[in-house]
Amino acid sequence: MTNRSPDKAAQVAAGCGGQAVPWDGLDDAVIEADIVLSTTGAPEPIVTKRRFDGILARRAGGTMVILDILGATRL
């Protein structure tokens, strides 16, 4: 679990038996993951195609499942 707020990351990770990862460790965490669940209210992608291509180039292989859950949009 990572979040821009380390405290929030630790809180959510503790609630589901996970491990908090520093925000700047996101790429390394995705490289190691088989399942990625993402939800953000950011207006722009956090992991761009270029960034993801770099992640894939460093990944050992195997299947990766990515679920990107869009948050509610404020009108």
Protein backbone atom coordinates (compact mmCIF):
# COMPACT_ATOMS: atom_id res chain seq x y z
CA MET A 1 0.00 0.00 0.00
CA THR A 2 1.31 3.40 -0.87
CA ASN A 3 -0.12 6.86 -0.54
CA ARG A 4 1.26 10.38 -0.75
CA SER A 5 0.55 10.50 2.99
CA PRO A 6 2.74 7.96 4.85
CA ASP A 7 0.30 7.95 7.78
CA LYS A 8 -2.63 7.12 5.50
CA ALA A 9 -0.62 4.36 3.81
CA ALA A 10 0.22 2.83 7.20
CA GLN A 11 -3.39 3.08 8.37
CA VAL A 12 -4.86 1.38 5.29
CA ALA A 13 -2.12 -1.27 5.18
CA ALA A 14 -2.70 -2.13 8.84
CA GLY A 15 -6.42 -2.52 8.19
CA CYS A 16 -5.91 -5.23 5.59
CA GLY A 17 -2.74 -6.96 6.73
CA GLY A 18 -0.65 -5.21 4.11
CA GLN A 19 2.63 -3.37 4.12
CA ALA A 20 3.03 0.39 3.72
CA VAL A 21 5.45 1.45 0.99
CA PRO A 22 6.88 4.98 0.74
CA TRP A 23 5.40 6.98 -2.16
CA ASP A 24 8.77 7.16 -3.88
CA GLY A 25 8.85 3.33 -3.83
CA LEU A 26 5.73 3.01 -6.00
CA ASP A 27 7.55 1.81 -9.13
CA ASP A 28 9.50 -0.85 -7.19
CA ALA A 29 6.29 -2.05 -5.52
CA VAL A 30 4.49 -2.34 -8.87
CA ILE A 31 7.44 -4.26 -10.32
CA GLU A 32 7.05 -6.86 -7.56
CA ALA A 33 3.24 -7.00 -7.62
CA ASP A 34 1.03 -9.56 -9.32
CA ILE A 35 -2.13 -7.59 -8.53
CA VAL A 36 -2.36 -3.80 -8.46
CA LEU A 37 -5.49 -2.07 -7.13
CA SER A 38 -5.50 1.65 -7.77
CA THR A 39 -7.91 4.34 -6.74
CA THR A 40 -7.11 8.02 -6.89
CA GLY A 41 -8.79 11.35 -7.22
CA ALA A 42 -5.83 12.75 -9.16
CA PRO A 43 -6.79 14.67 -12.31
CA GLU A 44 -3.92 13.10 -14.29
CA PRO A 45 -2.64 9.50 -14.43
CA ILE A 46 -0.18 8.58 -11.69
CA VAL A 47 1.40 5.85 -13.81
CA THR A 48 1.69 7.05 -17.39
CA LYS A 49 2.32 4.71 -20.32
CA ARG A 50 5.95 5.80 -20.40
CA ARG A 51 6.37 5.12 -16.69
CA PHE A 52 4.60 1.76 -16.99
CA ASP A 53 6.81 0.76 -19.93
CA GLY A 54 9.83 1.38 -17.67
CA ILE A 55 8.24 -0.74 -14.95
CA LEU A 56 7.56 -3.60 -17.39
CA ALA A 57 11.14 -3.45 -18.66
CA ARG A 58 12.37 -4.10 -15.10
CA ARG A 59 9.79 -6.79 -14.30
CA ALA A 60 10.81 -10.47 -14.34
CA GLY A 61 7.67 -11.48 -16.19
CA GLY A 62 4.50 -13.29 -15.29
CA THR A 63 0.93 -12.13 -15.28
CA MET A 64 -0.03 -8.82 -13.69
CA VAL A 65 -3.63 -7.84 -13.03
CA ILE A 66 -4.37 -4.13 -12.69
CA LEU A 67 -7.69 -2.80 -11.39
CA ASP A 68 -8.06 0.96 -11.60
CA ILE A 69 -11.12 2.09 -9.68
CA LEU A 70 -12.16 5.60 -10.55
CA GLY A 71 -13.34 7.72 -7.68
CA ALA A 72 -16.50 9.79 -7.76
CA THR A 73 -16.18 12.87 -9.91
CA ARG A 74 -17.26 16.16 -8.42
CA LEU A 75 -19.37 18.27 -10.71
